[in-house]
Amino acid sequence: MPRSAVRDSRVTLRALLLVGGVLSIVLGISIFFSNRGIAELQQARKRVAELHADVARLQTENARLRSEIDSVKKSTYAVERIAREELGMSKKGEVIYLLPKKQ
């Protein structure tokens, strides 16, 4: 084997060892800090689940409110019920009796 071939193989071996060492260091640092990354990922997933629950709750409430709006638009009874129950209004000459709520 000629000397230049031996020298080239040594240079190649050194380069491979250097690249392997650098990759090992990078991998070690990555593993060291990955626990924090995993914890943050779990927290983010928990937050996403909470937000999905909030979205579902708000969609349900939104549907209920839309239904109430539709009933108020279509029915004078609904308007009268809201005026009486929520605003305490009455017709002329009516007497309103407020009874204590059962506990």
PDB file of N, CA and C in Angstrom:
ATOM      1  N   MET A   1       0.851  -1.166   0.000  1.00  0.00           N
ATOM      2  CA  MET A   1       0.000   0.000   0.000  1.00  0.00           C
ATOM      3  C   MET A   1       0.901   1.235   0.000  1.00  0.00           C
ATOM      4  N   PRO A   2       0.687   2.168  -0.916  1.00  0.00           N
ATOM      5  CA  PRO A   2       1.533   3.367  -0.970  1.00  0.00           C
ATOM      6  C   PRO A   2       1.290   4.267   0.231  1.00  0.00           C
ATOM      7  N   ARG A   3       2.301   5.101   0.503  1.00  0.00           N
ATOM      8  CA  ARG A   3       2.234   5.996   1.668  1.00  0.00           C
ATOM      9  C   ARG A   3       1.071   6.980   1.567  1.00  0.00           C
ATOM     10  N   SER A   4       0.781   7.474   0.420  1.00  0.00           N
ATOM     11  CA  SER A   4      -0.317   8.440   0.267  1.00  0.00           C
ATOM     12  C   SER A   4      -1.661   7.793   0.599  1.00  0.00           C
ATOM     13  N   ALA A   5      -1.801   6.533   0.280  1.00  0.00           N
ATOM     14  CA  ALA A   5      -3.045   5.830   0.595  1.00  0.00           C
ATOM     15  C   ALA A   5      -3.188   5.639   2.094  1.00  0.00           C
ATOM     16  N   VAL A   6      -2.070   5.337   2.782  1.00  0.00           N
ATOM     17  CA  VAL A   6      -2.099   5.180   4.238  1.00  0.00           C
ATOM     18  C   VAL A   6      -2.439   6.513   4.889  1.00  0.00           C
ATOM     19  N   ARG A   7      -1.816   7.584   4.390  1.00  0.00           N
ATOM     20  CA  ARG A   7      -2.062   8.916   4.945  1.00  0.00           C
ATOM     21  C   ARG A   7      -3.523   9.312   4.718  1.00  0.00           C
ATOM     22  N   ASP A   8      -4.063   9.038   3.552  1.00  0.00           N
ATOM     23  CA  ASP A   8      -5.458   9.362   3.257  1.00  0.00           C
ATOM     24  C   ASP A   8      -6.413   8.582   4.166  1.00  0.00           C
ATOM     25  N   SER A   9      -6.079   7.321   4.428  1.00  0.00           N
ATOM     26  CA  SER A   9      -6.945   6.528   5.303  1.00  0.00           C
ATOM     27  C   SER A   9      -6.895   7.042   6.733  1.00  0.00           C
ATOM     28  N   ARG A  10      -5.711   7.540   7.173  1.00  0.00           N
ATOM     29  CA  ARG A  10      -5.601   8.112   8.527  1.00  0.00           C
ATOM     30  C   ARG A  10      -6.410   9.411   8.625  1.00  0.00           C
ATOM     31  N   VAL A  11      -6.342  10.237   7.600  1.00  0.00           N
ATOM     32  CA  VAL A  11      -7.095  11.502   7.586  1.00  0.00           C
ATOM     33  C   VAL A  11      -8.596  11.196   7.603  1.00  0.00           C
ATOM     34  N   THR A  12      -8.995  10.217   6.823  1.00  0.00           N
ATOM     35  CA  THR A  12     -10.403   9.827   6.792  1.00  0.00           C
ATOM     36  C   THR A  12     -10.846   9.297   8.152  1.00  0.00           C
ATOM     37  N   LEU A  13     -10.004   8.486   8.786  1.00  0.00           N
ATOM     38  CA  LEU A  13     -10.319   7.946  10.103  1.00  0.00           C
ATOM     39  C   LEU A  13     -10.445   9.065  11.131  1.00  0.00           C
ATOM     40  N   ARG A  14      -9.514  10.030  11.102  1.00  0.00           N
ATOM     41  CA  ARG A  14      -9.573  11.172  12.032  1.00  0.00           C
ATOM     42  C   ARG A  14     -10.845  11.989  11.798  1.00  0.00           C
ATOM     43  N   ALA A  15     -11.179  12.216  10.543  1.00  0.00           N
ATOM     44  CA  ALA A  15     -12.385  12.988  10.225  1.00  0.00           C
ATOM     45  C   ALA A  15     -13.628  12.265  10.740  1.00  0.00           C
ATOM     46  N   LEU A  16     -13.671  10.955  10.540  1.00  0.00           N
ATOM     47  CA  LEU A  16     -14.810  10.179  11.038  1.00  0.00           C
ATOM     48  C   LEU A  16     -14.892  10.220  12.557  1.00  0.00           C
ATOM     49  N   LEU A  17     -13.741  10.108  13.229  1.00  0.00           N
ATOM     50  CA  LEU A  17     -13.737  10.186  14.694  1.00  0.00           C
ATOM     51  C   LEU A  17     -14.190  11.568  15.171  1.00  0.00           C
ATOM     52  N   LEU A  18     -13.747  12.612  14.482  1.00  0.00           N
ATOM     53  CA  LEU A  18     -14.138  13.975  14.852  1.00  0.00           C
ATOM     54  C   LEU A  18     -15.649  14.168  14.671  1.00  0.00           C
ATOM     55  N   VAL A  19     -16.160  13.735  13.543  1.00  0.00           N
ATOM     56  CA  VAL A  19     -17.603  13.864  13.288  1.00  0.00           C
ATOM     57  C   VAL A  19     -18.390  13.034  14.298  1.00  0.00           C
ATOM     58  N   GLY A  20     -17.922  11.817  14.578  1.00  0.00           N
ATOM     59  CA  GLY A  20     -18.589  10.970  15.566  1.00  0.00           C
ATOM     60  C   GLY A  20     -18.569  11.591  16.949  1.00  0.00           C
ATOM     61  N   GLY A  21     -17.444  12.196  17.328  1.00  0.00           N
ATOM     62  CA  GLY A  21     -17.347  12.862  18.631  1.00  0.00           C
ATOM     63  C   GLY A  21     -18.293  14.041  18.733  1.00  0.00           C
ATOM     64  N   VAL A  22     -18.340  14.854  17.681  1.00  0.00           N
ATOM     65  CA  VAL A  22     -19.241  16.014  17.677  1.00  0.00           C
ATOM     66  C   VAL A  22     -20.695  15.547  17.755  1.00  0.00           C
ATOM     67  N   LEU A  23     -21.038  14.534  16.992  1.00  0.00           N
ATOM     68  CA  LEU A  23     -22.408  14.010  17.041  1.00  0.00           C
ATOM     69  C   LEU A  23     -22.742  13.444  18.419  1.00  0.00           C
ATOM     70  N   SER A  24     -21.773  12.795  19.047  1.00  0.00           N
ATOM     71  CA  SER A  24     -21.997  12.259  20.397  1.00  0.00           C
ATOM     72  C   SER A  24     -22.250  13.379  21.390  1.00  0.00           C
ATOM     73  N   ILE A  25     -21.491  14.451  21.284  1.00  0.00           N
ATOM     74  CA  ILE A  25     -21.679  15.599  22.186  1.00  0.00           C
ATOM     75  C   ILE A  25     -23.060  16.221  21.960  1.00  0.00           C
ATOM     76  N   VAL A  26     -23.416  16.417  20.709  1.00  0.00           N
ATOM     77  CA  VAL A  26     -24.727  17.003  20.396  1.00  0.00           C
ATOM     78  C   VAL A  26     -25.848  16.102  20.904  1.00  0.00           C
ATOM     79  N   LEU A  27     -25.710  14.809  20.705  1.00  0.00           N
ATOM     80  CA  LEU A  27     -26.711  13.860  21.183  1.00  0.00           C
ATOM     81  C   LEU A  27     -26.805  13.878  22.707  1.00  0.00           C
ATOM     82  N   GLY A  28     -25.666  13.947  23.381  1.00  0.00           N
ATOM     83  CA  GLY A  28     -25.658  14.007  24.844  1.00  0.00           C
ATOM     84  C   GLY A  28     -26.355  15.251  25.362  1.00  0.00           C
ATOM     85  N   ILE A  29     -26.069  16.388  24.753  1.00  0.00           N
ATOM     86  CA  ILE A  29     -26.725  17.640  25.158  1.00  0.00           C
ATOM     87  C   ILE A  29     -28.226  17.547  24.892  1.00  0.00           C
ATOM     88  N   SER A  30     -28.584  16.989  23.761  1.00  0.00           N
ATOM     89  CA  SER A  30     -29.999  16.839  23.419  1.00  0.00           C
ATOM     90  C   SER A  30     -30.725  15.971  24.441  1.00  0.00           C
ATOM     91  N   ILE A  31     -30.124  14.866  24.819  1.00  0.00           N
ATOM     92  CA  ILE A  31     -30.738  13.976  25.810  1.00  0.00           C
ATOM     93  C   ILE A  31     -30.823  14.663  27.167  1.00  0.00           C
ATOM     94  N   PHE A  32     -29.805  15.430  27.525  1.00  0.00           N
ATOM     95  CA  PHE A  32     -29.788  16.114  28.816  1.00  0.00           C
ATOM     96  C   PHE A  32     -30.942  17.104  28.928  1.00  0.00           C
ATOM     97  N   PHE A  33     -31.196  17.834  27.862  1.00  0.00           N
ATOM     98  CA  PHE A  33     -32.251  18.841  27.905  1.00  0.00           C
ATOM     99  C   PHE A  33     -33.610  18.309  27.456  1.00  0.00           C
ATOM    100  N   SER A  34     -33.686  17.077  27.006  1.00  0.00           N
ATOM    101  CA  SER A  34     -34.948  16.558  26.491  1.00  0.00           C
ATOM    102  C   SER A  34     -35.987  16.353  27.588  1.00  0.00           C
ATOM    103  N   ASN A  35     -35.584  16.113  28.826  1.00  0.00           N
ATOM    104  CA  ASN A  35     -36.565  15.945  29.908  1.00  0.00           C
ATOM    105  C   ASN A  35     -37.398  17.202  30.068  1.00  0.00           C
ATOM    106  N   ARG A  36     -36.759  18.357  29.989  1.00  0.00           N
ATOM    107  CA  ARG A  36     -37.490  19.610  30.076  1.00  0.00           C
ATOM    108  C   ARG A  36     -38.427  19.748  28.879  1.00  0.00           C
ATOM    109  N   GLY A  37     -37.956  19.343  27.740  1.00  0.00           N
ATOM    110  CA  GLY A  37     -38.786  19.399  26.542  1.00  0.00           C
ATOM    111  C   GLY A  37     -39.997  18.493  26.649  1.00  0.00           C
ATOM    112  N   ILE A  38     -39.805  17.327  27.228  1.00  0.00           N
ATOM    113  CA  ILE A  38     -40.918  16.392  27.409  1.00  0.00           C
ATOM    114  C   ILE A  38     -41.944  16.973  28.375  1.00  0.00           C
ATOM    115  N   ALA A  39     -41.468  17.591  29.454  1.00  0.00           N
ATOM    116  CA  ALA A  39     -42.385  18.199  30.428  1.00  0.00           C
ATOM    117  C   ALA A  39     -43.180  19.326  29.782  1.00  0.00           C
ATOM    118  N   GLU A  40     -42.499  20.143  28.980  1.00  0.00           N
ATOM    119  CA  GLU A  40     -43.199  21.233  28.304  1.00  0.00           C
ATOM    120  C   GLU A  40     -44.212  20.687  27.307  1.00  0.00           C
ATOM    121  N   LEU A  41     -43.864  19.610  26.639  1.00  0.00           N
ATOM    122  CA  LEU A  41     -44.787  18.988  25.695  1.00  0.00           C
ATOM    123  C   LEU A  41     -46.029  18.470  26.413  1.00  0.00           C
ATOM    124  N   GLN A  42     -45.846  17.845  27.571  1.00  0.00           N
ATOM    125  CA  GLN A  42     -46.984  17.345  28.341  1.00  0.00           C
ATOM    126  C   GLN A  42     -47.866  18.497  28.814  1.00  0.00           C
ATOM    127  N   GLN A  43     -47.238  19.593  29.253  1.00  0.00           N
ATOM    128  CA  GLN A  43     -48.017  20.755  29.683  1.00  0.00           C
ATOM    129  C   GLN A  43     -48.792  21.341  28.508  1.00  0.00           C
ATOM    130  N   ALA A  44     -48.151  21.388  27.351  1.00  0.00           N
ATOM    131  CA  ALA A  44     -48.826  21.923  26.167  1.00  0.00           C
ATOM    132  C   ALA A  44     -50.004  21.039  25.774  1.00  0.00           C
ATOM    133  N   ARG A  45     -49.832  19.724  25.855  1.00  0.00           N
ATOM    134  CA  ARG A  45     -50.937  18.814  25.532  1.00  0.00           C
ATOM    135  C   ARG A  45     -52.084  18.975  26.520  1.00  0.00           C
ATOM    136  N   LYS A  46     -51.754  19.166  27.796  1.00  0.00           N
ATOM    137  CA  LYS A  46     -52.789  19.373  28.812  1.00  0.00           C
ATOM    138  C   LYS A  46     -53.548  20.665  28.521  1.00  0.00           C
ATOM    139  N   ARG A  47     -52.815  21.709  28.160  1.00  0.00           N
ATOM    140  CA  ARG A  47     -53.434  22.999  27.855  1.00  0.00           C
ATOM    141  C   ARG A  47     -54.346  22.878  26.626  1.00  0.00           C
ATOM    142  N   VAL A  48     -53.890  22.124  25.630  1.00  0.00           N
ATOM    143  CA  VAL A  48     -54.706  21.914  24.431  1.00  0.00           C
ATOM    144  C   VAL A  48     -56.001  21.195  24.798  1.00  0.00           C
ATOM    145  N   ALA A  49     -55.911  20.186  25.664  1.00  0.00           N
ATOM    146  CA  ALA A  49     -57.112  19.464  26.097  1.00  0.00           C
ATOM    147  C   ALA A  49     -58.064  20.399  26.840  1.00  0.00           C
ATOM    148  N   GLU A  50     -57.513  21.269  27.698  1.00  0.00           N
ATOM    149  CA  GLU A  50     -58.354  22.235  28.416  1.00  0.00           C
ATOM    150  C   GLU A  50     -59.031  23.187  27.436  1.00  0.00           C
ATOM    151  N   LEU A  51     -58.286  23.631  26.436  1.00  0.00           N
ATOM    152  CA  LEU A  51     -58.858  24.551  25.457  1.00  0.00           C
ATOM    153  C   LEU A  51     -59.941  23.869  24.619  1.00  0.00           C
ATOM    154  N   HIS A  52     -59.744  22.588  24.293  1.00  0.00           N
ATOM    155  CA  HIS A  52     -60.786  21.854  23.568  1.00  0.00           C
ATOM    156  C   HIS A  52     -62.053  21.751  24.417  1.00  0.00           C
ATOM    157  N   ALA A  53     -61.896  21.519  25.713  1.00  0.00           N
ATOM    158  CA  ALA A  53     -63.054  21.453  26.608  1.00  0.00           C
ATOM    159  C   ALA A  53     -63.753  22.809  26.667  1.00  0.00           C
ATOM    160  N   ASP A  54     -62.969  23.890  26.735  1.00  0.00           N
ATOM    161  CA  ASP A  54     -63.555  25.233  26.746  1.00  0.00           C
ATOM    162  C   ASP A  54     -64.318  25.504  25.452  1.00  0.00           C
ATOM    163  N   VAL A  55     -63.731  25.111  24.334  1.00  0.00           N
ATOM    164  CA  VAL A  55     -64.389  25.319  23.041  1.00  0.00           C
ATOM    165  C   VAL A  55     -65.714  24.564  22.997  1.00  0.00           C
ATOM    166  N   ALA A  56     -65.718  23.323  23.461  1.00  0.00           N
ATOM    167  CA  ALA A  56     -66.956  22.531  23.464  1.00  0.00           C
ATOM    168  C   ALA A  56     -68.011  23.184  24.352  1.00  0.00           C
ATOM    169  N   ARG A  57     -67.596  23.658  25.536  1.00  0.00           N
ATOM    170  CA  ARG A  57     -68.536  24.312  26.447  1.00  0.00           C
ATOM    171  C   ARG A  57     -69.095  25.584  25.814  1.00  0.00           C
ATOM    172  N   LEU A  58     -68.227  26.375  25.178  1.00  0.00           N
ATOM    173  CA  LEU A  58     -68.676  27.619  24.559  1.00  0.00           C
ATOM    174  C   LEU A  58     -69.574  27.358  23.351  1.00  0.00           C
ATOM    175  N   GLN A  59     -69.310  26.292  22.611  1.00  0.00           N
ATOM    176  CA  GLN A  59     -70.183  25.954  21.486  1.00  0.00           C
ATOM    177  C   GLN A  59     -71.572  25.560  21.978  1.00  0.00           C
ATOM    178  N   THR A  60     -71.627  24.825  23.084  1.00  0.00           N
ATOM    179  CA  THR A  60     -72.918  24.445  23.663  1.00  0.00           C
ATOM    180  C   THR A  60     -73.674  25.686  24.124  1.00  0.00           C
ATOM    181  N   GLU A  61     -72.967  26.578  24.815  1.00  0.00           N
ATOM    182  CA  GLU A  61     -73.601  27.811  25.288  1.00  0.00           C
ATOM    183  C   GLU A  61     -74.052  28.673  24.112  1.00  0.00           C
ATOM    184  N   ASN A  62     -73.238  28.729  23.077  1.00  0.00           N
ATOM    185  CA  ASN A  62     -73.571  29.500  21.883  1.00  0.00           C
ATOM    186  C   ASN A  62     -74.839  28.961  21.227  1.00  0.00           C
ATOM    187  N   ALA A  63     -74.946  27.648  21.139  1.00  0.00           N
ATOM    188  CA  ALA A  63     -76.149  27.036  20.556  1.00  0.00           C
ATOM    189  C   ALA A  63     -77.381  27.362  21.398  1.00  0.00           C
ATOM    190  N   ARG A  64     -77.228  27.318  22.732  1.00  0.00           N
ATOM    191  CA  ARG A  64     -78.350  27.638  23.618  1.00  0.00           C
ATOM    192  C   ARG A  64     -78.782  29.089  23.427  1.00  0.00           C
ATOM    193  N   LEU A  65     -77.810  29.991  23.352  1.00  0.00           N
ATOM    194  CA  LEU A  65     -78.132  31.412  23.184  1.00  0.00           C
ATOM    195  C   LEU A  65     -78.775  31.681  21.821  1.00  0.00           C
ATOM    196  N   ARG A  66     -78.294  31.009  20.790  1.00  0.00           N
ATOM    197  CA  ARG A  66     -78.908  31.177  19.463  1.00  0.00           C
ATOM    198  C   ARG A  66     -80.364  30.698  19.484  1.00  0.00           C
ATOM    199  N   SER A  67     -80.599  29.599  20.181  1.00  0.00           N
ATOM    200  CA  SER A  67     -81.960  29.079  20.304  1.00  0.00           C
ATOM    201  C   SER A  67     -82.844  30.080  21.042  1.00  0.00           C
ATOM    202  N   GLU A  68     -82.309  30.665  22.094  1.00  0.00           N
ATOM    203  CA  GLU A  68     -83.074  31.660  22.855  1.00  0.00           C
ATOM    204  C   GLU A  68     -83.354  32.893  21.998  1.00  0.00           C
ATOM    205  N   ILE A  69     -82.381  33.319  21.216  1.00  0.00           N
ATOM    206  CA  ILE A  69     -82.580  34.467  20.324  1.00  0.00           C
ATOM    207  C   ILE A  69     -83.669  34.162  19.305  1.00  0.00           C
ATOM    208  N   ASP A  70     -83.628  32.965  18.726  1.00  0.00           N
ATOM    209  CA  ASP A  70     -84.654  32.576  17.751  1.00  0.00           C
ATOM    210  C   ASP A  70     -86.040  32.566  18.380  1.00  0.00           C
ATOM    211  N   SER A  71     -86.146  32.051  19.609  1.00  0.00           N
ATOM    212  CA  SER A  71     -87.460  32.001  20.255  1.00  0.00           C
ATOM    213  C   SER A  71     -87.964  33.403  20.570  1.00  0.00           C
ATOM    214  N   VAL A  72     -87.069  34.314  20.940  1.00  0.00           N
ATOM    215  CA  VAL A  72     -87.487  35.695  21.225  1.00  0.00           C
ATOM    216  C   VAL A  72     -87.928  36.384  19.938  1.00  0.00           C
ATOM    217  N   LYS A  73     -87.230  36.110  18.843  1.00  0.00           N
ATOM    218  CA  LYS A  73     -87.598  36.731  17.571  1.00  0.00           C
ATOM    219  C   LYS A  73     -88.946  36.223  17.054  1.00  0.00           C
ATOM    220  N   LYS A  74     -89.267  34.964  17.316  1.00  0.00           N
ATOM    221  CA  LYS A  74     -90.458  34.343  16.736  1.00  0.00           C
ATOM    222  C   LYS A  74     -91.677  34.364  17.650  1.00  0.00           C
ATOM    223  N   SER A  75     -91.488  34.592  18.949  1.00  0.00           N
ATOM    224  CA  SER A  75     -92.604  34.429  19.873  1.00  0.00           C
ATOM    225  C   SER A  75     -92.721  35.629  20.804  1.00  0.00           C
ATOM    226  N   THR A  76     -93.932  36.189  20.877  1.00  0.00           N
ATOM    227  CA  THR A  76     -94.159  37.272  21.834  1.00  0.00           C
ATOM    228  C   THR A  76     -94.211  36.720  23.251  1.00  0.00           C
ATOM    229  N   TYR A  77     -94.585  35.434  23.378  1.00  0.00           N
ATOM    230  CA  TYR A  77     -94.607  34.809  24.702  1.00  0.00           C
ATOM    231  C   TYR A  77     -93.203  34.804  25.306  1.00  0.00           C
ATOM    232  N   ALA A  78     -92.204  34.521  24.506  1.00  0.00           N
ATOM    233  CA  ALA A  78     -90.828  34.486  25.012  1.00  0.00           C
ATOM    234  C   ALA A  78     -90.399  35.870  25.486  1.00  0.00           C
ATOM    235  N   VAL A  79     -90.777  36.901  24.746  1.00  0.00           N
ATOM    236  CA  VAL A  79     -90.437  38.272  25.152  1.00  0.00           C
ATOM    237  C   VAL A  79     -91.129  38.602  26.468  1.00  0.00           C
ATOM    238  N   GLU A  80     -92.401  38.233  26.594  1.00  0.00           N
ATOM    239  CA  GLU A  80     -93.144  38.496  27.827  1.00  0.00           C
ATOM    240  C   GLU A  80     -92.541  37.730  29.007  1.00  0.00           C
ATOM    241  N   ARG A  81     -92.165  36.480  28.776  1.00  0.00           N
ATOM    242  CA  ARG A  81     -91.565  35.670  29.844  1.00  0.00           C
ATOM    243  C   ARG A  81     -90.266  36.311  30.340  1.00  0.00           C
ATOM    244  N   ILE A  82     -89.420  36.748  29.422  1.00  0.00           N
ATOM    245  CA  ILE A  82     -88.155  37.387  29.820  1.00  0.00           C
ATOM    246  C   ILE A  82     -88.437  38.685  30.564  1.00  0.00           C
ATOM    247  N   ALA A  83     -89.398  39.466  30.068  1.00  0.00           N
ATOM    248  CA  ALA A  83     -89.735  40.731  30.724  1.00  0.00           C
ATOM    249  C   ALA A  83     -90.233  40.487  32.145  1.00  0.00           C
ATOM    250  N   ARG A  84     -91.029  39.456  32.339  1.00  0.00           N
ATOM    251  CA  ARG A  84     -91.571  39.173  33.667  1.00  0.00           C
ATOM    252  C   ARG A  84     -90.520  38.557  34.594  1.00  0.00           C
ATOM    253  N   GLU A  85     -89.832  37.507  34.112  1.00  0.00           N
ATOM    254  CA  GLU A  85     -88.934  36.745  34.989  1.00  0.00           C
ATOM    255  C   GLU A  85     -87.611  37.464  35.255  1.00  0.00           C
ATOM    256  N   GLU A  86     -87.039  38.030  34.226  1.00  0.00           N
ATOM    257  CA  GLU A  86     -85.699  38.585  34.390  1.00  0.00           C
ATOM    258  C   GLU A  86     -85.706  40.078  34.707  1.00  0.00           C
ATOM    259  N   LEU A  87     -86.708  40.792  34.205  1.00  0.00           N
ATOM    260  CA  LEU A  87     -86.737  42.239  34.408  1.00  0.00           C
ATOM    261  C   LEU A  87     -87.778  42.682  35.433  1.00  0.00           C
ATOM    262  N   GLY A  88     -88.611  41.746  35.900  1.00  0.00           N
ATOM    263  CA  GLY A  88     -89.604  42.071  36.923  1.00  0.00           C
ATOM    264  C   GLY A  88     -90.715  42.978  36.424  1.00  0.00           C
ATOM    265  N   MET A  89     -90.989  42.976  35.153  1.00  0.00           N
ATOM    266  CA  MET A  89     -92.023  43.841  34.592  1.00  0.00           C
ATOM    267  C   MET A  89     -93.393  43.173  34.741  1.00  0.00           C
ATOM    268  N   SER A  90     -94.440  43.997  34.673  1.00  0.00           N
ATOM    269  CA  SER A  90     -95.804  43.471  34.767  1.00  0.00           C
ATOM    270  C   SER A  90     -96.717  44.293  33.870  1.00  0.00           C
ATOM    271  N   LYS A  91     -97.891  43.731  33.629  1.00  0.00           N
ATOM    272  CA  LYS A  91     -98.889  44.461  32.853  1.00  0.00           C
ATOM    273  C   LYS A  91     -99.554  45.488  33.758  1.00  0.00           C
ATOM    274  N   LYS A  92    -100.214  46.420  33.163  1.00  0.00           N
ATOM    275  CA  LYS A  92    -100.886  47.471  33.912  1.00  0.00           C
ATOM    276  C   LYS A  92    -101.963  46.854  34.795  1.00  0.00           C
ATOM    277  N   GLY A  93    -101.937  47.173  36.075  1.00  0.00           N
ATOM    278  CA  GLY A  93    -102.935  46.688  37.012  1.00  0.00           C
ATOM    279  C   GLY A  93    -102.594  45.348  37.652  1.00  0.00           C
ATOM    280  N   GLU A  94    -101.530  44.677  37.227  1.00  0.00           N
ATOM    281  CA  GLU A  94    -101.146  43.395  37.813  1.00  0.00           C
ATOM    282  C   GLU A  94    -100.420  43.620  39.127  1.00  0.00           C
ATOM    283  N   VAL A  95    -100.604  42.671  40.031  1.00  0.00           N
ATOM    284  CA  VAL A  95     -99.874  42.690  41.290  1.00  0.00           C
ATOM    285  C   VAL A  95     -98.921  41.507  41.267  1.00  0.00           C
ATOM    286  N   ILE A  96     -97.652  41.760  41.550  1.00  0.00           N
ATOM    287  CA  ILE A  96     -96.649  40.693  41.525  1.00  0.00           C
ATOM    288  C   ILE A  96     -96.337  40.290  42.954  1.00  0.00           C
ATOM    289  N   TYR A  97     -96.422  38.999  43.202  1.00  0.00           N
ATOM    290  CA  TYR A  97     -96.071  38.453  44.509  1.00  0.00           C
ATOM    291  C   TYR A  97     -94.740  37.719  44.364  1.00  0.00           C
ATOM    292  N   LEU A  98     -93.769  38.129  45.122  1.00  0.00           N
ATOM    293  CA  LEU A  98     -92.465  37.469  45.097  1.00  0.00           C
ATOM    294  C   LEU A  98     -92.391  36.518  46.275  1.00  0.00           C
ATOM    295  N   LEU A  99     -92.256  35.248  45.983  1.00  0.00           N
ATOM    296  CA  LEU A  99     -92.164  34.230  47.021  1.00  0.00           C
ATOM    297  C   LEU A  99     -90.696  33.863  47.222  1.00  0.00           C
ATOM    298  N   PRO A 100     -90.325  33.549  48.454  1.00  0.00           N
ATOM    299  CA  PRO A 100     -88.932  33.155  48.680  1.00  0.00           C
ATOM    300  C   PRO A 100     -88.635  31.837  47.968  1.00  0.00           C
ATOM    301  N   LYS A 101     -87.426  31.731  47.469  1.00  0.00           N
ATOM    302  CA  LYS A 101     -87.027  30.507  46.765  1.00  0.00           C
ATOM    303  C   LYS A 101     -86.772  29.402  47.765  1.00  0.00           C
ATOM    304  N   LYS A 102     -87.141  28.185  47.370  1.00  0.00           N
ATOM    305  CA  LYS A 102     -86.883  27.035  48.237  1.00  0.00           C
ATOM    306  C   LYS A 102     -85.395  26.739  48.228  1.00  0.00           C
ATOM    307  N   GLN A 103     -84.908  26.356  49.401  1.00  0.00           N
ATOM    308  CA  GLN A 103     -83.469  26.087  49.486  1.00  0.00           C
ATOM    309  C   GLN A 103     -83.179  24.651  49.634  1.00  0.00           C
TER     310      GLN A 103
END
